[in-house]
Amino acid sequence: MHAAQFPVNLSPDPILEAAEGFTGTFFDLDRSLTVGADRLARARGFLESRFDTLGLSRGDRVIISVGNGPAFVAALTAILACGGD
């Protein structure tokens, strides 16, 4: 018996659109830190610039070691925006 095949959308666009439209606030429980949308956008921009400087390009595999929280969201969205997997 074969599993049913469903179309899979692996595009990062829905995640990036959600990040760009985010207007809320994260609370980092590990560091007791509140991070608003503007700070998250600045962190993502910084990381995108840094990844670009390091030569990250479409299809590159990236490993990150970050706890759950705002830093993870900033890192993931920066990697996806640069084309990393």
Protein backbone atom coordinates (compact mmCIF):
# COMPACT_ATOMS: atom_id res chain seq x y z
CA MET A 1 0.00 0.00 0.00
CA HIS A 2 1.33 3.43 -0.96
CA ALA A 3 0.72 6.62 0.94
CA ALA A 4 -1.32 9.23 -0.87
CA GLN A 5 0.76 11.88 -2.57
CA PHE A 6 -0.13 15.46 -1.72
CA PRO A 7 1.47 18.52 -3.26
CA VAL A 8 4.01 19.97 -0.87
CA ASN A 9 4.85 23.66 -0.87
CA LEU A 10 8.36 24.09 0.49
CA SER A 11 8.52 27.78 -0.28
CA PRO A 12 9.76 30.00 2.57
CA ASP A 13 7.36 32.74 1.44
CA PRO A 14 4.59 32.10 4.00
CA ILE A 15 7.10 32.22 6.87
CA LEU A 16 8.79 35.35 5.53
CA GLU A 17 5.43 37.07 4.94
CA ALA A 18 4.36 36.28 8.50
CA ALA A 19 7.65 37.64 9.87
CA GLU A 20 7.41 40.82 7.82
CA GLY A 21 3.82 41.40 8.95
CA PHE A 22 4.51 40.64 12.62
CA THR A 23 3.49 43.52 14.89
CA GLY A 24 3.43 41.79 18.26
CA THR A 25 5.93 41.18 21.03
CA PHE A 26 8.00 38.16 22.03
CA PHE A 27 8.94 37.48 25.61
CA ASP A 28 12.22 35.62 25.93
CA LEU A 29 11.70 33.52 29.06
CA ASP A 30 15.36 32.48 29.23
CA ARG A 31 16.62 36.05 29.45
CA SER A 32 13.52 37.83 30.80
CA LEU A 33 13.61 40.07 27.75
CA THR A 34 10.76 41.62 25.79
CA VAL A 35 11.39 41.88 22.05
CA GLY A 36 9.09 43.95 19.87
CA ALA A 37 8.57 43.73 16.13
CA ASP A 38 11.01 46.57 15.39
CA ARG A 39 13.82 44.93 17.36
CA LEU A 40 13.13 41.58 15.72
CA ALA A 41 13.26 43.22 12.26
CA ARG A 42 16.59 44.89 13.11
CA ALA A 43 18.04 41.57 14.32
CA ARG A 44 16.89 39.83 11.16
CA GLY A 45 18.38 42.62 9.02
CA PHE A 46 21.69 42.41 10.85
CA LEU A 47 21.82 38.63 10.41
CA GLU A 48 20.85 38.84 6.73
CA SER A 49 23.70 41.29 6.18
CA ARG A 50 26.13 39.06 8.07
CA PHE A 51 25.06 35.94 6.19
CA ASP A 52 25.43 37.82 2.90
CA THR A 53 28.95 38.89 3.92
CA LEU A 54 29.75 35.25 4.67
CA GLY A 55 28.53 34.27 1.21
CA LEU A 56 25.29 32.47 2.07
CA SER A 57 23.36 31.85 -1.12
CA ARG A 58 20.33 30.00 -2.42
CA GLY A 59 20.37 26.31 -1.58
CA ASP A 60 23.15 26.49 1.01
CA ARG A 61 22.58 24.27 4.03
CA VAL A 62 22.77 26.09 7.35
CA ILE A 63 22.96 24.73 10.88
CA ILE A 64 22.09 27.01 13.79
CA SER A 65 22.27 26.40 17.49
CA VAL A 66 19.87 28.78 19.16
CA GLY A 67 17.35 28.27 21.93
CA ASN A 68 13.65 28.80 21.38
CA GLY A 69 12.75 32.45 21.37
CA PRO A 70 13.23 35.65 19.40
CA ALA A 71 16.82 34.82 18.39
CA PHE A 72 15.61 31.64 16.70
CA VAL A 73 12.93 33.52 14.76
CA ALA A 74 15.41 36.19 13.64
CA ALA A 75 17.98 33.57 12.58
CA LEU A 76 15.49 31.35 10.75
CA THR A 77 13.89 34.19 8.81
CA ALA A 78 17.30 35.69 7.91
CA ILE A 79 18.50 32.32 6.60
CA LEU A 80 15.33 31.80 4.59
CA ALA A 81 15.50 35.35 3.18
CA CYS A 82 19.06 34.68 2.00
CA GLY A 83 17.96 31.47 0.30
CA GLY A 84 19.47 29.02 2.78
CA ASP A 85 17.88 25.70 3.61
